[in-house]
Amino acid sequence: MKNLDESRKREDASQAEVIAVKSRDAQPEGPQPLLPQQQVDLLREQWATIQTAFIDEPRRSVKDADALVASATRQLAEAFTNQRSQLEKQWSEGDQISTEDLRLALQQYRSFFSRLLSM
């Protein structure tokens, strides 16, 4: 009986370790950037150029700012659409998905939703 209890404890500990590793692997540390850093840097450079040009051409700068904001908004919308599609693929394929996989998917959706609302 004692060996059976010890075996169950080892099995429970092993399962808990697998769950912890899956959770850690599935959850990246901190919020993931919405856009690649190179893209963000380019947008910031474009903004700096627009802002500098305001002195000589204020109307043109405002027009360019509007276009840049529209472009950034489109890029963000595309990034969110792609990320949501990737999340959906993780849980929607097949009927044999485990509750643990669904729990991890829900955590990822929670992170995604928080990023949407933090904008």
C-alpha atoms as a PDB file:
ATOM      1  CA  MET A   1       0.000   0.000   0.000  1.00  0.00           C
ATOM      2  CA  LYS A   2       2.842   2.371   0.874  1.00  0.00           C
ATOM      3  CA  ASN A   3       4.487   1.746  -2.514  1.00  0.00           C
ATOM      4  CA  LEU A   4       1.209   2.509  -4.291  1.00  0.00           C
ATOM      5  CA  ASP A   5       0.864   5.826  -2.432  1.00  0.00           C
ATOM      6  CA  GLU A   6       4.468   6.756  -3.232  1.00  0.00           C
ATOM      7  CA  SER A   7       3.943   5.841  -6.865  1.00  0.00           C
ATOM      8  CA  ARG A   8       0.841   8.038  -7.055  1.00  0.00           C
ATOM      9  CA  LYS A   9       2.678  10.937  -5.434  1.00  0.00           C
ATOM     10  CA  ARG A  10       5.513  10.628  -7.972  1.00  0.00           C
ATOM     11  CA  GLU A  11       2.987  10.451 -10.826  1.00  0.00           C
ATOM     12  CA  ASP A  12       1.115  13.525  -9.507  1.00  0.00           C
ATOM     13  CA  ALA A  13       4.386  15.424  -9.128  1.00  0.00           C
ATOM     14  CA  SER A  14       5.403  14.438 -12.650  1.00  0.00           C
ATOM     15  CA  GLN A  15       2.063  15.607 -14.076  1.00  0.00           C
ATOM     16  CA  ALA A  16       2.329  18.896 -12.175  1.00  0.00           C
ATOM     17  CA  GLU A  17       5.809  19.423 -13.607  1.00  0.00           C
ATOM     18  CA  VAL A  18       4.560  18.781 -17.166  1.00  0.00           C
ATOM     19  CA  ILE A  19       1.734  21.282 -16.664  1.00  0.00           C
ATOM     20  CA  ALA A  20       4.161  23.877 -15.270  1.00  0.00           C
ATOM     21  CA  VAL A  21       6.516  23.440 -18.232  1.00  0.00           C
ATOM     22  CA  LYS A  22       3.634  23.660 -20.737  1.00  0.00           C
ATOM     23  CA  SER A  23       2.337  26.801 -19.054  1.00  0.00           C
ATOM     24  CA  ARG A  24       5.764  28.404 -18.996  1.00  0.00           C
ATOM     25  CA  ASP A  25       6.420  27.504 -22.634  1.00  0.00           C
ATOM     26  CA  ALA A  26       2.992  28.669 -23.794  1.00  0.00           C
ATOM     27  CA  GLN A  27       3.114  31.957 -21.916  1.00  0.00           C
ATOM     28  CA  PRO A  28       5.848  34.269 -23.148  1.00  0.00           C
ATOM     29  CA  GLU A  29       7.307  36.510 -20.477  1.00  0.00           C
ATOM     30  CA  GLY A  30       5.583  39.863 -20.476  1.00  0.00           C
ATOM     31  CA  PRO A  31       3.385  41.225 -23.216  1.00  0.00           C
ATOM     32  CA  GLN A  32       4.582  40.552 -26.716  1.00  0.00           C
ATOM     33  CA  PRO A  33       5.100  43.557 -28.978  1.00  0.00           C
ATOM     34  CA  LEU A  34       2.308  44.203 -31.420  1.00  0.00           C
ATOM     35  CA  LEU A  35       4.643  45.053 -34.264  1.00  0.00           C
ATOM     36  CA  PRO A  36       8.208  43.952 -34.991  1.00  0.00           C
ATOM     37  CA  GLN A  37      10.799  46.357 -33.579  1.00  0.00           C
ATOM     38  CA  GLN A  38      12.076  47.215 -37.069  1.00  0.00           C
ATOM     39  CA  GLN A  39       8.581  48.303 -38.079  1.00  0.00           C
ATOM     40  CA  VAL A  40       8.164  50.359 -34.888  1.00  0.00           C
ATOM     41  CA  ASP A  41      11.530  52.037 -35.479  1.00  0.00           C
ATOM     42  CA  LEU A  42      10.534  52.932 -39.040  1.00  0.00           C
ATOM     43  CA  LEU A  43       7.227  54.435 -37.872  1.00  0.00           C
ATOM     44  CA  ARG A  44       9.053  56.501 -35.245  1.00  0.00           C
ATOM     45  CA  GLU A  45      11.557  57.740 -37.821  1.00  0.00           C
ATOM     46  CA  GLN A  46       8.720  58.757 -40.108  1.00  0.00           C
ATOM     47  CA  TRP A  47       7.029  60.572 -37.225  1.00  0.00           C
ATOM     48  CA  ALA A  48      10.245  62.449 -36.392  1.00  0.00           C
ATOM     49  CA  THR A  49      10.564  63.526 -40.023  1.00  0.00           C
ATOM     50  CA  ILE A  50       6.960  64.758 -40.074  1.00  0.00           C
ATOM     51  CA  GLN A  51       7.396  66.643 -36.829  1.00  0.00           C
ATOM     52  CA  THR A  52      10.615  68.305 -38.015  1.00  0.00           C
ATOM     53  CA  ALA A  53       9.014  69.366 -41.299  1.00  0.00           C
ATOM     54  CA  PHE A  54       6.177  71.151 -39.466  1.00  0.00           C
ATOM     55  CA  ILE A  55       8.189  74.367 -39.164  1.00  0.00           C
ATOM     56  CA  ASP A  56       8.495  74.786 -42.930  1.00  0.00           C
ATOM     57  CA  GLU A  57       5.261  73.080 -44.061  1.00  0.00           C
ATOM     58  CA  PRO A  58       2.662  72.829 -41.286  1.00  0.00           C
ATOM     59  CA  ARG A  59      -0.268  71.817 -43.516  1.00  0.00           C
ATOM     60  CA  ARG A  60       1.810  69.156 -45.279  1.00  0.00           C
ATOM     61  CA  SER A  61       3.035  67.821 -41.913  1.00  0.00           C
ATOM     62  CA  VAL A  62      -0.504  67.423 -40.601  1.00  0.00           C
ATOM     63  CA  LYS A  63      -1.522  65.661 -43.810  1.00  0.00           C
ATOM     64  CA  ASP A  64       1.499  63.335 -43.540  1.00  0.00           C
ATOM     65  CA  ALA A  65       0.750  62.711 -39.854  1.00  0.00           C
ATOM     66  CA  ASP A  66      -2.789  61.686 -40.760  1.00  0.00           C
ATOM     67  CA  ALA A  67      -1.487  59.279 -43.398  1.00  0.00           C
ATOM     68  CA  LEU A  68       1.096  57.821 -40.987  1.00  0.00           C
ATOM     69  CA  VAL A  69      -1.494  57.269 -38.259  1.00  0.00           C
ATOM     70  CA  ALA A  70      -3.806  55.600 -40.796  1.00  0.00           C
ATOM     71  CA  SER A  71      -0.950  53.340 -41.902  1.00  0.00           C
ATOM     72  CA  ALA A  72       0.002  52.450 -38.323  1.00  0.00           C
ATOM     73  CA  THR A  73      -3.649  51.679 -37.534  1.00  0.00           C
ATOM     74  CA  ARG A  74      -3.852  49.323 -40.526  1.00  0.00           C
ATOM     75  CA  GLN A  75      -0.629  47.609 -39.503  1.00  0.00           C
ATOM     76  CA  LEU A  76      -1.896  47.104 -35.952  1.00  0.00           C
ATOM     77  CA  ALA A  77      -5.230  45.754 -37.189  1.00  0.00           C
ATOM     78  CA  GLU A  78      -3.417  43.272 -39.436  1.00  0.00           C
ATOM     79  CA  ALA A  79      -1.148  42.204 -36.564  1.00  0.00           C
ATOM     80  CA  PHE A  80      -4.114  41.611 -34.253  1.00  0.00           C
ATOM     81  CA  THR A  81      -6.003  39.722 -36.959  1.00  0.00           C
ATOM     82  CA  ASN A  82      -3.013  37.460 -37.586  1.00  0.00           C
ATOM     83  CA  GLN A  83      -2.453  36.815 -33.883  1.00  0.00           C
ATOM     84  CA  ARG A  84      -6.125  36.015 -33.316  1.00  0.00           C
ATOM     85  CA  SER A  85      -6.090  33.592 -36.241  1.00  0.00           C
ATOM     86  CA  GLN A  86      -3.053  31.838 -34.797  1.00  0.00           C
ATOM     87  CA  LEU A  87      -4.785  31.489 -31.434  1.00  0.00           C
ATOM     88  CA  GLU A  88      -7.894  30.082 -33.066  1.00  0.00           C
ATOM     89  CA  LYS A  89      -5.857  27.462 -34.935  1.00  0.00           C
ATOM     90  CA  GLN A  90      -4.357  26.254 -31.651  1.00  0.00           C
ATOM     91  CA  TRP A  91      -7.650  25.164 -30.139  1.00  0.00           C
ATOM     92  CA  SER A  92     -10.099  24.698 -33.004  1.00  0.00           C
ATOM     93  CA  GLU A  93      -8.361  21.873 -34.863  1.00  0.00           C
ATOM     94  CA  GLY A  94      -9.625  18.442 -33.938  1.00  0.00           C
ATOM     95  CA  ASP A  95     -11.991  17.125 -31.322  1.00  0.00           C
ATOM     96  CA  GLN A  96      -9.316  15.549 -29.130  1.00  0.00           C
ATOM     97  CA  ILE A  97      -7.899  18.729 -27.605  1.00  0.00           C
ATOM     98  CA  SER A  98      -7.237  18.406 -23.887  1.00  0.00           C
ATOM     99  CA  THR A  99      -8.662  20.610 -21.169  1.00  0.00           C
ATOM    100  CA  GLU A 100      -5.097  21.686 -20.397  1.00  0.00           C
ATOM    101  CA  ASP A 101      -4.602  22.873 -23.971  1.00  0.00           C
ATOM    102  CA  LEU A 102      -7.883  24.769 -23.767  1.00  0.00           C
ATOM    103  CA  ARG A 103      -6.776  26.340 -20.467  1.00  0.00           C
ATOM    104  CA  LEU A 104      -3.563  27.513 -22.106  1.00  0.00           C
ATOM    105  CA  ALA A 105      -5.521  28.870 -25.076  1.00  0.00           C
ATOM    106  CA  LEU A 106      -7.778  30.810 -22.705  1.00  0.00           C
ATOM    107  CA  GLN A 107      -4.712  32.313 -20.993  1.00  0.00           C
ATOM    108  CA  GLN A 108      -3.392  33.408 -24.362  1.00  0.00           C
ATOM    109  CA  TYR A 109      -6.742  34.959 -25.247  1.00  0.00           C
ATOM    110  CA  ARG A 110      -6.724  36.793 -21.901  1.00  0.00           C
ATOM    111  CA  SER A 111      -3.285  38.231 -22.683  1.00  0.00           C
ATOM    112  CA  PHE A 112      -4.398  39.145 -26.203  1.00  0.00           C
ATOM    113  CA  PHE A 113      -7.574  40.811 -24.890  1.00  0.00           C
ATOM    114  CA  SER A 114      -5.595  42.787 -22.308  1.00  0.00           C
ATOM    115  CA  ARG A 115      -3.299  44.094 -25.028  1.00  0.00           C
ATOM    116  CA  LEU A 116      -6.322  45.128 -27.094  1.00  0.00           C
ATOM    117  CA  LEU A 117      -7.716  47.144 -24.207  1.00  0.00           C
ATOM    118  CA  SER A 118      -4.385  48.680 -23.226  1.00  0.00           C
ATOM    119  CA  MET A 119      -4.031  50.634 -26.447  1.00  0.00           C
END
